[in-house]
Amino acid sequence: MPETFVNNSLAVTSTETDLYTAPSTGTAVILSCVVANVDGGSADDLTLKLTNSSNTQLARVASTVPVPADATLECVPNKLVLKNGQKLRVQGAAASGRLTAFVSALEIT
């Protein structure tokens, strides 16, 4: 079974967006998910969900957690396993993209 380390990052806005999708023919181990507030003056709230491939919520990893200005939040302090096609989806409260998210994973196919 091949193993590949991957990562992804994006600006988090008020629109729920896919941060990471596990391979359709394998599993993934989320090693880290860090969210940074890059705005120097305003806090923002973060919601991080685990969904299936149809975006149906399976679990909330973080629910409207405040991220202070110029601060970071480690959303996955331990490993998180995603089965084939499951996703991590992120959403902030601000439309402006005060938050940035970064995820690193080990894919096993």
PDB file of N, CA and C in Angstrom:
ATOM      1  N   MET A   1       0.833  -1.173   0.000  1.00  0.00           N
ATOM      2  CA  MET A   1       0.000   0.000   0.000  1.00  0.00           C
ATOM      3  C   MET A   1       0.880   1.240   0.000  1.00  0.00           C
ATOM      4  N   PRO A   2       0.828   2.020  -1.101  1.00  0.00           N
ATOM      5  CA  PRO A   2       1.634   3.240  -1.173  1.00  0.00           C
ATOM      6  C   PRO A   2       1.172   4.287  -0.159  1.00  0.00           C
ATOM      7  N   GLU A   3       2.145   5.013   0.381  1.00  0.00           N
ATOM      8  CA  GLU A   3       1.872   6.084   1.329  1.00  0.00           C
ATOM      9  C   GLU A   3       2.481   7.373   0.786  1.00  0.00           C
ATOM     10  N   THR A   4       1.708   8.461   0.857  1.00  0.00           N
ATOM     11  CA  THR A   4       2.154   9.743   0.332  1.00  0.00           C
ATOM     12  C   THR A   4       1.807  10.841   1.321  1.00  0.00           C
ATOM     13  N   PHE A   5       2.778  11.705   1.625  1.00  0.00           N
ATOM     14  CA  PHE A   5       2.514  12.872   2.450  1.00  0.00           C
ATOM     15  C   PHE A   5       2.014  13.997   1.551  1.00  0.00           C
ATOM     16  N   VAL A   6       0.934  14.661   1.958  1.00  0.00           N
ATOM     17  CA  VAL A   6       0.357  15.765   1.186  1.00  0.00           C
ATOM     18  C   VAL A   6       0.001  16.904   2.133  1.00  0.00           C
ATOM     19  N   ASN A   7      -0.203  18.091   1.556  1.00  0.00           N
ATOM     20  CA  ASN A   7      -0.696  19.221   2.350  1.00  0.00           C
ATOM     21  C   ASN A   7      -1.539  20.124   1.468  1.00  0.00           C
ATOM     22  N   ASN A   8      -2.288  21.000   2.107  1.00  0.00           N
ATOM     23  CA  ASN A   8      -3.113  21.961   1.400  1.00  0.00           C
ATOM     24  C   ASN A   8      -3.332  23.163   2.313  1.00  0.00           C
ATOM     25  N   SER A   9      -3.526  24.319   1.702  1.00  0.00           N
ATOM     26  CA  SER A   9      -3.847  25.514   2.476  1.00  0.00           C
ATOM     27  C   SER A   9      -4.842  26.355   1.692  1.00  0.00           C
ATOM     28  N   LEU A  10      -5.588  27.181   2.423  1.00  0.00           N
ATOM     29  CA  LEU A  10      -6.539  28.081   1.774  1.00  0.00           C
ATOM     30  C   LEU A  10      -6.949  29.198   2.724  1.00  0.00           C
ATOM     31  N   ALA A  11      -7.494  30.264   2.141  1.00  0.00           N
ATOM     32  CA  ALA A  11      -8.076  31.351   2.925  1.00  0.00           C
ATOM     33  C   ALA A  11      -9.476  30.910   3.334  1.00  0.00           C
ATOM     34  N   VAL A  12      -9.800  31.094   4.605  1.00  0.00           N
ATOM     35  CA  VAL A  12     -11.100  30.687   5.137  1.00  0.00           C
ATOM     36  C   VAL A  12     -12.035  31.889   5.114  1.00  0.00           C
ATOM     37  N   THR A  13     -13.191  31.722   4.497  1.00  0.00           N
ATOM     38  CA  THR A  13     -14.191  32.791   4.439  1.00  0.00           C
ATOM     39  C   THR A  13     -15.488  32.298   5.075  1.00  0.00           C
ATOM     40  N   SER A  14     -16.545  33.055   4.912  1.00  0.00           N
ATOM     41  CA  SER A  14     -17.836  32.674   5.484  1.00  0.00           C
ATOM     42  C   SER A  14     -18.554  31.615   4.649  1.00  0.00           C
ATOM     43  N   THR A  15     -17.967  31.207   3.546  1.00  0.00           N
ATOM     44  CA  THR A  15     -18.508  30.131   2.719  1.00  0.00           C
ATOM     45  C   THR A  15     -17.822  28.825   3.098  1.00  0.00           C
ATOM     46  N   GLU A  16     -18.593  27.805   3.436  1.00  0.00           N
ATOM     47  CA  GLU A  16     -18.010  26.501   3.783  1.00  0.00           C
ATOM     48  C   GLU A  16     -17.279  25.945   2.567  1.00  0.00           C
ATOM     49  N   THR A  17     -16.013  25.547   2.780  1.00  0.00           N
ATOM     50  CA  THR A  17     -15.139  25.146   1.681  1.00  0.00           C
ATOM     51  C   THR A  17     -14.377  23.882   2.044  1.00  0.00           C
ATOM     52  N   ASP A  18     -14.104  23.044   1.038  1.00  0.00           N
ATOM     53  CA  ASP A  18     -13.290  21.851   1.238  1.00  0.00           C
ATOM     54  C   ASP A  18     -11.847  22.256   1.515  1.00  0.00           C
ATOM     55  N   LEU A  19     -11.320  21.820   2.635  1.00  0.00           N
ATOM     56  CA  LEU A  19      -9.907  22.017   2.950  1.00  0.00           C
ATOM     57  C   LEU A  19      -9.094  20.815   2.495  1.00  0.00           C
ATOM     58  N   TYR A  20      -9.651  19.624   2.691  1.00  0.00           N
ATOM     59  CA  TYR A  20      -8.939  18.397   2.322  1.00  0.00           C
ATOM     60  C   TYR A  20      -9.962  17.294   2.043  1.00  0.00           C
ATOM     61  N   THR A  21      -9.679  16.471   1.037  1.00  0.00           N
ATOM     62  CA  THR A  21     -10.508  15.307   0.706  1.00  0.00           C
ATOM     63  C   THR A  21      -9.621  14.072   0.672  1.00  0.00           C
ATOM     64  N   ALA A  22     -10.022  13.045   1.418  1.00  0.00           N
ATOM     65  CA  ALA A  22      -9.269  11.784   1.419  1.00  0.00           C
ATOM     66  C   ALA A  22      -9.390  11.129   0.048  1.00  0.00           C
ATOM     67  N   PRO A  23      -8.395  10.337  -0.342  1.00  0.00           N
ATOM     68  CA  PRO A  23      -8.459   9.671  -1.647  1.00  0.00           C
ATOM     69  C   PRO A  23      -9.683   8.768  -1.741  1.00  0.00           C
ATOM     70  N   SER A  24     -10.207   8.647  -2.950  1.00  0.00           N
ATOM     71  CA  SER A  24     -11.421   7.846  -3.148  1.00  0.00           C
ATOM     72  C   SER A  24     -11.150   6.353  -3.015  1.00  0.00           C
ATOM     73  N   THR A  25      -9.903   5.950  -3.087  1.00  0.00           N
ATOM     74  CA  THR A  25      -9.560   4.527  -3.001  1.00  0.00           C
ATOM     75  C   THR A  25      -8.627   4.229  -1.842  1.00  0.00           C
ATOM     76  N   GLY A  26      -8.784   4.938  -0.744  1.00  0.00           N
ATOM     77  CA  GLY A  26      -7.903   4.690   0.396  1.00  0.00           C
ATOM     78  C   GLY A  26      -8.350   5.447   1.615  1.00  0.00           C
ATOM     79  N   THR A  27      -7.411   5.644   2.511  1.00  0.00           N
ATOM     80  CA  THR A  27      -7.670   6.401   3.725  1.00  0.00           C
ATOM     81  C   THR A  27      -6.606   7.479   3.873  1.00  0.00           C
ATOM     82  N   ALA A  28      -6.851   8.385   4.810  1.00  0.00           N
ATOM     83  CA  ALA A  28      -5.886   9.442   5.088  1.00  0.00           C
ATOM     84  C   ALA A  28      -5.808   9.634   6.592  1.00  0.00           C
ATOM     85  N   VAL A  29      -4.615   9.941   7.054  1.00  0.00           N
ATOM     86  CA  VAL A  29      -4.404  10.277   8.452  1.00  0.00           C
ATOM     87  C   VAL A  29      -4.035  11.760   8.484  1.00  0.00           C
ATOM     88  N   ILE A  30      -4.905  12.561   9.089  1.00  0.00           N
ATOM     89  CA  ILE A  30      -4.615  13.984   9.235  1.00  0.00           C
ATOM     90  C   ILE A  30      -3.604  14.112  10.368  1.00  0.00           C
ATOM     91  N   LEU A  31      -2.455  14.668  10.052  1.00  0.00           N
ATOM     92  CA  LEU A  31      -1.376  14.809  11.025  1.00  0.00           C
ATOM     93  C   LEU A  31      -1.443  16.145  11.752  1.00  0.00           C
ATOM     94  N   SER A  32      -1.908  17.165  11.040  1.00  0.00           N
ATOM     95  CA  SER A  32      -1.991  18.496  11.630  1.00  0.00           C
ATOM     96  C   SER A  32      -2.987  19.330  10.841  1.00  0.00           C
ATOM     97  N   CYS A  33      -3.684  20.204  11.539  1.00  0.00           N
ATOM     98  CA  CYS A  33      -4.556  21.194  10.905  1.00  0.00           C
ATOM     99  C   CYS A  33      -4.441  22.464  11.729  1.00  0.00           C
ATOM    100  N   VAL A  34      -3.780  23.460  11.159  1.00  0.00           N
ATOM    101  CA  VAL A  34      -3.518  24.712  11.851  1.00  0.00           C
ATOM    102  C   VAL A  34      -4.270  25.834  11.155  1.00  0.00           C
ATOM    103  N   VAL A  35      -4.928  26.671  11.955  1.00  0.00           N
ATOM    104  CA  VAL A  35      -5.628  27.836  11.430  1.00  0.00           C
ATOM    105  C   VAL A  35      -5.001  29.070  12.055  1.00  0.00           C
ATOM    106  N   ALA A  36      -4.640  30.028  11.216  1.00  0.00           N
ATOM    107  CA  ALA A  36      -4.029  31.272  11.684  1.00  0.00           C
ATOM    108  C   ALA A  36      -4.936  32.445  11.359  1.00  0.00           C
ATOM    109  N   ASN A  37      -5.047  33.360  12.304  1.00  0.00           N
ATOM    110  CA  ASN A  37      -5.770  34.605  12.059  1.00  0.00           C
ATOM    111  C   ASN A  37      -4.726  35.621  11.615  1.00  0.00           C
ATOM    112  N   VAL A  38      -4.781  35.996  10.345  1.00  0.00           N
ATOM    113  CA  VAL A  38      -3.783  36.895   9.775  1.00  0.00           C
ATOM    114  C   VAL A  38      -4.208  38.353   9.869  1.00  0.00           C
ATOM    115  N   ASP A  39      -5.355  38.611  10.485  1.00  0.00           N
ATOM    116  CA  ASP A  39      -5.834  39.977  10.690  1.00  0.00           C
ATOM    117  C   ASP A  39      -5.257  40.497  12.002  1.00  0.00           C
ATOM    118  N   GLY A  40      -4.666  41.659  11.975  1.00  0.00           N
ATOM    119  CA  GLY A  40      -4.024  42.208  13.165  1.00  0.00           C
ATOM    120  C   GLY A  40      -4.959  42.815  14.188  1.00  0.00           C
ATOM    121  N   GLY A  41      -6.242  42.994  13.838  1.00  0.00           N
ATOM    122  CA  GLY A  41      -7.105  43.696  14.763  1.00  0.00           C
ATOM    123  C   GLY A  41      -8.409  43.014  15.127  1.00  0.00           C
ATOM    124  N   SER A  42      -8.817  41.988  14.389  1.00  0.00           N
ATOM    125  CA  SER A  42     -10.134  41.395  14.625  1.00  0.00           C
ATOM    126  C   SER A  42     -10.055  39.887  14.778  1.00  0.00           C
ATOM    127  N   ALA A  43     -10.815  39.372  15.738  1.00  0.00           N
ATOM    128  CA  ALA A  43     -10.942  37.920  15.908  1.00  0.00           C
ATOM    129  C   ALA A  43     -11.921  37.380  14.858  1.00  0.00           C
ATOM    130  N   ASP A  44     -11.931  36.089  14.688  1.00  0.00           N
ATOM    131  CA  ASP A  44     -12.890  35.423  13.803  1.00  0.00           C
ATOM    132  C   ASP A  44     -13.205  34.070  14.412  1.00  0.00           C
ATOM    133  N   ASP A  45     -14.344  33.529  14.053  1.00  0.00           N
ATOM    134  CA  ASP A  45     -14.763  32.214  14.540  1.00  0.00           C
ATOM    135  C   ASP A  45     -14.529  31.165  13.472  1.00  0.00           C
ATOM    136  N   LEU A  46     -14.113  29.988  13.887  1.00  0.00           N
ATOM    137  CA  LEU A  46     -13.820  28.882  12.972  1.00  0.00           C
ATOM    138  C   LEU A  46     -14.744  27.704  13.245  1.00  0.00           C
ATOM    139  N   THR A  47     -15.255  27.118  12.163  1.00  0.00           N
ATOM    140  CA  THR A  47     -15.964  25.847  12.236  1.00  0.00           C
ATOM    141  C   THR A  47     -15.268  24.877  11.287  1.00  0.00           C
ATOM    142  N   LEU A  48     -14.959  23.690  11.785  1.00  0.00           N
ATOM    143  CA  LEU A  48     -14.289  22.643  11.010  1.00  0.00           C
ATOM    144  C   LEU A  48     -15.126  21.384  11.118  1.00  0.00           C
ATOM    145  N   LYS A  49     -15.552  20.852   9.965  1.00  0.00           N
ATOM    146  CA  LYS A  49     -16.438  19.688   9.933  1.00  0.00           C
ATOM    147  C   LYS A  49     -15.805  18.528   9.182  1.00  0.00           C
ATOM    148  N   LEU A  50     -16.172  17.327   9.596  1.00  0.00           N
ATOM    149  CA  LEU A  50     -15.877  16.111   8.853  1.00  0.00           C
ATOM    150  C   LEU A  50     -17.161  15.743   8.129  1.00  0.00           C
ATOM    151  N   THR A  51     -17.079  15.578   6.798  1.00  0.00           N
ATOM    152  CA  THR A  51     -18.259  15.237   6.011  1.00  0.00           C
ATOM    153  C   THR A  51     -17.962  14.029   5.126  1.00  0.00           C
ATOM    154  N   ASN A  52     -19.024  13.477   4.557  1.00  0.00           N
ATOM    155  CA  ASN A  52     -18.829  12.440   3.543  1.00  0.00           C
ATOM    156  C   ASN A  52     -18.646  13.126   2.190  1.00  0.00           C
ATOM    157  N   SER A  53     -18.546  12.350   1.127  1.00  0.00           N
ATOM    158  CA  SER A  53     -18.290  12.921  -0.196  1.00  0.00           C
ATOM    159  C   SER A  53     -19.442  13.782  -0.703  1.00  0.00           C
ATOM    160  N   SER A  54     -20.636  13.631  -0.120  1.00  0.00           N
ATOM    161  CA  SER A  54     -21.804  14.437  -0.501  1.00  0.00           C
ATOM    162  C   SER A  54     -21.986  15.655   0.406  1.00  0.00           C
ATOM    163  N   ASN A  55     -20.991  15.947   1.239  1.00  0.00           N
ATOM    164  CA  ASN A  55     -20.992  17.082   2.170  1.00  0.00           C
ATOM    165  C   ASN A  55     -21.998  16.946   3.309  1.00  0.00           C
ATOM    166  N   THR A  56     -22.435  15.732   3.600  1.00  0.00           N
ATOM    167  CA  THR A  56     -23.276  15.496   4.766  1.00  0.00           C
ATOM    168  C   THR A  56     -22.369  15.438   5.989  1.00  0.00           C
ATOM    169  N   GLN A  57     -22.692  16.240   6.987  1.00  0.00           N
ATOM    170  CA  GLN A  57     -21.856  16.316   8.185  1.00  0.00           C
ATOM    171  C   GLN A  57     -21.850  14.990   8.937  1.00  0.00           C
ATOM    172  N   LEU A  58     -20.639  14.517   9.268  1.00  0.00           N
ATOM    173  CA  LEU A  58     -20.456  13.322  10.091  1.00  0.00           C
ATOM    174  C   LEU A  58     -20.062  13.707  11.517  1.00  0.00           C
ATOM    175  N   ALA A  59     -19.280  14.786  11.643  1.00  0.00           N
ATOM    176  CA  ALA A  59     -18.841  15.246  12.967  1.00  0.00           C
ATOM    177  C   ALA A  59     -18.333  16.678  12.847  1.00  0.00           C
ATOM    178  N   ARG A  60     -18.373  17.382  13.965  1.00  0.00           N
ATOM    179  CA  ARG A  60     -17.751  18.708  14.046  1.00  0.00           C
ATOM    180  C   ARG A  60     -16.450  18.558  14.818  1.00  0.00           C
ATOM    181  N   VAL A  61     -15.381  18.977  14.199  1.00  0.00           N
ATOM    182  CA  VAL A  61     -14.080  18.951  14.849  1.00  0.00           C
ATOM    183  C   VAL A  61     -13.915  20.215  15.699  1.00  0.00           C
ATOM    184  N   ALA A  62     -14.427  21.331  15.187  1.00  0.00           N
ATOM    185  CA  ALA A  62     -14.438  22.609  15.906  1.00  0.00           C
ATOM    186  C   ALA A  62     -15.729  23.328  15.531  1.00  0.00           C
ATOM    187  N   SER A  63     -16.375  23.937  16.516  1.00  0.00           N
ATOM    188  CA  SER A  63     -17.651  24.605  16.258  1.00  0.00           C
ATOM    189  C   SER A  63     -17.623  26.035  16.770  1.00  0.00           C
ATOM    190  N   THR A  64     -17.586  26.970  15.849  1.00  0.00           N
ATOM    191  CA  THR A  64     -17.510  28.413  16.119  1.00  0.00           C
ATOM    192  C   THR A  64     -16.502  28.745  17.229  1.00  0.00           C
ATOM    193  N   VAL A  65     -15.303  28.224  17.078  1.00  0.00           N
ATOM    194  CA  VAL A  65     -14.219  28.470  18.036  1.00  0.00           C
ATOM    195  C   VAL A  65     -13.568  29.815  17.697  1.00  0.00           C
ATOM    196  N   PRO A  66     -13.471  30.722  18.665  1.00  0.00           N
ATOM    197  CA  PRO A  66     -12.846  32.016  18.372  1.00  0.00           C
ATOM    198  C   PRO A  66     -11.329  31.881  18.171  1.00  0.00           C
ATOM    199  N   VAL A  67     -10.845  32.558  17.133  1.00  0.00           N
ATOM    200  CA  VAL A  67      -9.406  32.638  16.877  1.00  0.00           C
ATOM    201  C   VAL A  67      -9.044  34.125  16.993  1.00  0.00           C
ATOM    202  N   PRO A  68      -8.349  34.510  18.061  1.00  0.00           N
ATOM    203  CA  PRO A  68      -8.017  35.930  18.262  1.00  0.00           C
ATOM    204  C   PRO A  68      -7.126  36.471  17.140  1.00  0.00           C
ATOM    205  N   ALA A  69      -7.108  37.780  17.006  1.00  0.00           N
ATOM    206  CA  ALA A  69      -6.239  38.429  16.024  1.00  0.00           C
ATOM    207  C   ALA A  69      -4.794  38.003  16.255  1.00  0.00           C
ATOM    208  N   ASP A  70      -4.069  37.766  15.169  1.00  0.00           N
ATOM    209  CA  ASP A  70      -2.649  37.385  15.210  1.00  0.00           C
ATOM    210  C   ASP A  70      -2.378  36.134  16.046  1.00  0.00           C
ATOM    211  N   ALA A  71      -3.308  35.184  16.056  1.00  0.00           N
ATOM    212  CA  ALA A  71      -3.135  33.951  16.830  1.00  0.00           C
ATOM    213  C   ALA A  71      -3.318  32.749  15.912  1.00  0.00           C
ATOM    214  N   THR A  72      -2.871  31.579  16.395  1.00  0.00           N
ATOM    215  CA  THR A  72      -3.067  30.334  15.665  1.00  0.00           C
ATOM    216  C   THR A  72      -3.800  29.334  16.554  1.00  0.00           C
ATOM    217  N   LEU A  73      -4.453  28.390  15.891  1.00  0.00           N
ATOM    218  CA  LEU A  73      -5.205  27.346  16.579  1.00  0.00           C
ATOM    219  C   LEU A  73      -4.865  26.011  15.935  1.00  0.00           C
ATOM    220  N   GLU A  74      -4.424  25.045  16.738  1.00  0.00           N
ATOM    221  CA  GLU A  74      -4.196  23.675  16.255  1.00  0.00           C
ATOM    222  C   GLU A  74      -5.518  22.939  16.421  1.00  0.00           C
ATOM    223  N   CYS A  75      -6.154  22.616  15.297  1.00  0.00           N
ATOM    224  CA  CYS A  75      -7.497  22.015  15.322  1.00  0.00           C
ATOM    225  C   CYS A  75      -7.477  20.507  15.500  1.00  0.00           C
ATOM    226  N   VAL A  76      -6.374  19.872  15.170  1.00  0.00           N
ATOM    227  CA  VAL A  76      -6.260  18.421  15.296  1.00  0.00           C
ATOM    228  C   VAL A  76      -5.007  18.125  16.116  1.00  0.00           C
ATOM    229  N   PRO A  77      -5.126  18.170  17.454  1.00  0.00           N
ATOM    230  CA  PRO A  77      -3.941  17.956  18.284  1.00  0.00           C
ATOM    231  C   PRO A  77      -3.437  16.513  18.255  1.00  0.00           C
ATOM    232  N   ASN A  78      -4.294  15.590  17.888  1.00  0.00           N
ATOM    233  CA  ASN A  78      -3.923  14.188  17.684  1.00  0.00           C
ATOM    234  C   ASN A  78      -4.306  13.814  16.263  1.00  0.00           C
ATOM    235  N   LYS A  79      -4.023  12.645  15.865  1.00  0.00           N
ATOM    236  CA  LYS A  79      -4.326  12.232  14.503  1.00  0.00           C
ATOM    237  C   LYS A  79      -5.833  12.033  14.313  1.00  0.00           C
ATOM    238  N   LEU A  80      -6.266  12.233  13.068  1.00  0.00           N
ATOM    239  CA  LEU A  80      -7.662  12.064  12.692  1.00  0.00           C
ATOM    240  C   LEU A  80      -7.688  11.237  11.418  1.00  0.00           C
ATOM    241  N   VAL A  81      -8.425  10.138  11.408  1.00  0.00           N
ATOM    242  CA  VAL A  81      -8.471   9.241  10.255  1.00  0.00           C
ATOM    243  C   VAL A  81      -9.710   9.547   9.418  1.00  0.00           C
ATOM    244  N   LEU A  82      -9.497   9.715   8.113  1.00  0.00           N
ATOM    245  CA  LEU A  82     -10.586   9.905   7.163  1.00  0.00           C
ATOM    246  C   LEU A  82     -10.636   8.702   6.234  1.00  0.00           C
ATOM    247  N   LYS A  83     -11.838   8.176   6.047  1.00  0.00           N
ATOM    248  CA  LYS A  83     -12.029   7.072   5.110  1.00  0.00           C
ATOM    249  C   LYS A  83     -12.200   7.624   3.701  1.00  0.00           C
ATOM    250  N   ASN A  84     -12.200   6.723   2.718  1.00  0.00           N
ATOM    251  CA  ASN A  84     -12.233   7.135   1.321  1.00  0.00           C
ATOM    252  C   ASN A  84     -13.333   8.151   1.030  1.00  0.00           C
ATOM    253  N   GLY A  85     -12.923   9.278   0.455  1.00  0.00           N
ATOM    254  CA  GLY A  85     -13.837  10.325   0.034  1.00  0.00           C
ATOM    255  C   GLY A  85     -14.314  11.272   1.121  1.00  0.00           C
ATOM    256  N   GLN A  86     -14.011  11.006   2.388  1.00  0.00           N
ATOM    257  CA  GLN A  86     -14.432  11.927   3.443  1.00  0.00           C
ATOM    258  C   GLN A  86     -13.631  13.226   3.343  1.00  0.00           C
ATOM    259  N   LYS A  87     -14.229  14.317   3.851  1.00  0.00           N
ATOM    260  CA  LYS A  87     -13.634  15.640   3.697  1.00  0.00           C
ATOM    261  C   LYS A  87     -13.535  16.376   5.024  1.00  0.00           C
ATOM    262  N   LEU A  88     -12.573  17.294   5.080  1.00  0.00           N
ATOM    263  CA  LEU A  88     -12.541  18.323   6.106  1.00  0.00           C
ATOM    264  C   LEU A  88     -13.000  19.598   5.423  1.00  0.00           C
ATOM    265  N   ARG A  89     -14.038  20.235   5.989  1.00  0.00           N
ATOM    266  CA  ARG A  89     -14.583  21.475   5.432  1.00  0.00           C
ATOM    267  C   ARG A  89     -14.469  22.568   6.482  1.00  0.00           C
ATOM    268  N   VAL A  90     -14.072  23.768   6.058  1.00  0.00           N
ATOM    269  CA  VAL A  90     -13.866  24.878   6.976  1.00  0.00           C
ATOM    270  C   VAL A  90     -14.768  26.050   6.629  1.00  0.00           C
ATOM    271  N   GLN A  91     -15.055  26.839   7.674  1.00  0.00           N
ATOM    272  CA  GLN A  91     -15.854  28.044   7.490  1.00  0.00           C
ATOM    273  C   GLN A  91     -15.516  29.025   8.599  1.00  0.00           C
ATOM    274  N   GLY A  92     -15.386  30.281   8.253  1.00  0.00           N
ATOM    275  CA  GLY A  92     -15.197  31.337   9.230  1.00  0.00           C
ATOM    276  C   GLY A  92     -16.462  32.164   9.349  1.00  0.00           C
ATOM    277  N   ALA A  93     -16.441  33.134  10.239  1.00  0.00           N
ATOM    278  CA  ALA A  93     -17.587  34.029  10.371  1.00  0.00           C
ATOM    279  C   ALA A  93     -17.462  35.215   9.427  1.00  0.00           C
ATOM    280  N   ALA A  94     -16.236  35.663   9.153  1.00  0.00           N
ATOM    281  CA  ALA A  94     -16.006  36.842   8.316  1.00  0.00           C
ATOM    282  C   ALA A  94     -15.865  36.457   6.849  1.00  0.00           C
ATOM    283  N   ALA A  95     -16.462  37.238   5.999  1.00  0.00           N
ATOM    284  CA  ALA A  95     -16.363  36.988   4.566  1.00  0.00           C
ATOM    285  C   ALA A  95     -14.998  37.369   4.013  1.00  0.00           C
ATOM    286  N   SER A  96     -14.239  38.153   4.761  1.00  0.00           N
ATOM    287  CA  SER A  96     -12.997  38.733   4.247  1.00  0.00           C
ATOM    288  C   SER A  96     -11.813  37.781   4.192  1.00  0.00           C
ATOM    289  N   GLY A  97     -11.882  36.642   4.832  1.00  0.00           N
ATOM    290  CA  GLY A  97     -10.747  35.726   4.836  1.00  0.00           C
ATOM    291  C   GLY A  97      -9.688  36.110   5.850  1.00  0.00           C
ATOM    292  N   ARG A  98     -10.110  36.433   7.060  1.00  0.00           N
ATOM    293  CA  ARG A  98      -9.157  36.734   8.137  1.00  0.00           C
ATOM    294  C   ARG A  98      -8.332  35.511   8.519  1.00  0.00           C
ATOM    295  N   LEU A  99      -8.901  34.344   8.277  1.00  0.00           N
ATOM    296  CA  LEU A  99      -8.249  33.093   8.678  1.00  0.00           C
ATOM    297  C   LEU A  99      -7.622  32.403   7.479  1.00  0.00           C
ATOM    298  N   THR A 100      -6.493  31.722   7.734  1.00  0.00           N
ATOM    299  CA  THR A 100      -5.926  30.806   6.751  1.00  0.00           C
ATOM    300  C   THR A 100      -5.802  29.439   7.418  1.00  0.00           C
ATOM    301  N   ALA A 101      -6.034  28.398   6.652  1.00  0.00           N
ATOM    302  CA  ALA A 101      -5.970  27.029   7.181  1.00  0.00           C
ATOM    303  C   ALA A 101      -4.921  26.249   6.428  1.00  0.00           C
ATOM    304  N   PHE A 102      -4.224  25.375   7.167  1.00  0.00           N
ATOM    305  CA  PHE A 102      -3.204  24.507   6.577  1.00  0.00           C
ATOM    306  C   PHE A 102      -3.399  23.103   7.155  1.00  0.00           C
ATOM    307  N   VAL A 103      -3.422  22.110   6.287  1.00  0.00           N
ATOM    308  CA  VAL A 103      -3.591  20.735   6.721  1.00  0.00           C
ATOM    309  C   VAL A 103      -2.469  19.881   6.108  1.00  0.00           C
ATOM    310  N   SER A 104      -1.951  18.946   6.902  1.00  0.00           N
ATOM    311  CA  SER A 104      -0.997  17.971   6.373  1.00  0.00           C
ATOM    312  C   SER A 104      -1.548  16.589   6.680  1.00  0.00           C
ATOM    313  N   ALA A 105      -1.359  15.687   5.724  1.00  0.00           N
ATOM    314  CA  ALA A 105      -1.959  14.353   5.842  1.00  0.00           C
ATOM    315  C   ALA A 105      -1.034  13.299   5.239  1.00  0.00           C
ATOM    316  N   LEU A 106      -1.253  12.084   5.690  1.00  0.00           N
ATOM    317  CA  LEU A 106      -0.603  10.909   5.109  1.00  0.00           C
ATOM    318  C   LEU A 106      -1.695  10.100   4.416  1.00  0.00           C
ATOM    319  N   GLU A 107      -1.580   9.986   3.097  1.00  0.00           N
ATOM    320  CA  GLU A 107      -2.561   9.219   2.327  1.00  0.00           C
ATOM    321  C   GLU A 107      -2.071   7.796   2.138  1.00  0.00           C
ATOM    322  N   ILE A 108      -2.971   6.837   2.341  1.00  0.00           N
ATOM    323  CA  ILE A 108      -2.655   5.420   2.186  1.00  0.00           C
ATOM    324  C   ILE A 108      -3.610   4.856   1.156  1.00  0.00           C
ATOM    325  N   THR A 109      -3.056   4.462   0.003  1.00  0.00           N
ATOM    326  CA  THR A 109      -3.914   3.963  -1.087  1.00  0.00           C
ATOM    327  C   THR A 109      -3.544   2.555  -1.482  1.00  0.00           C
TER     328      THR A 109
END
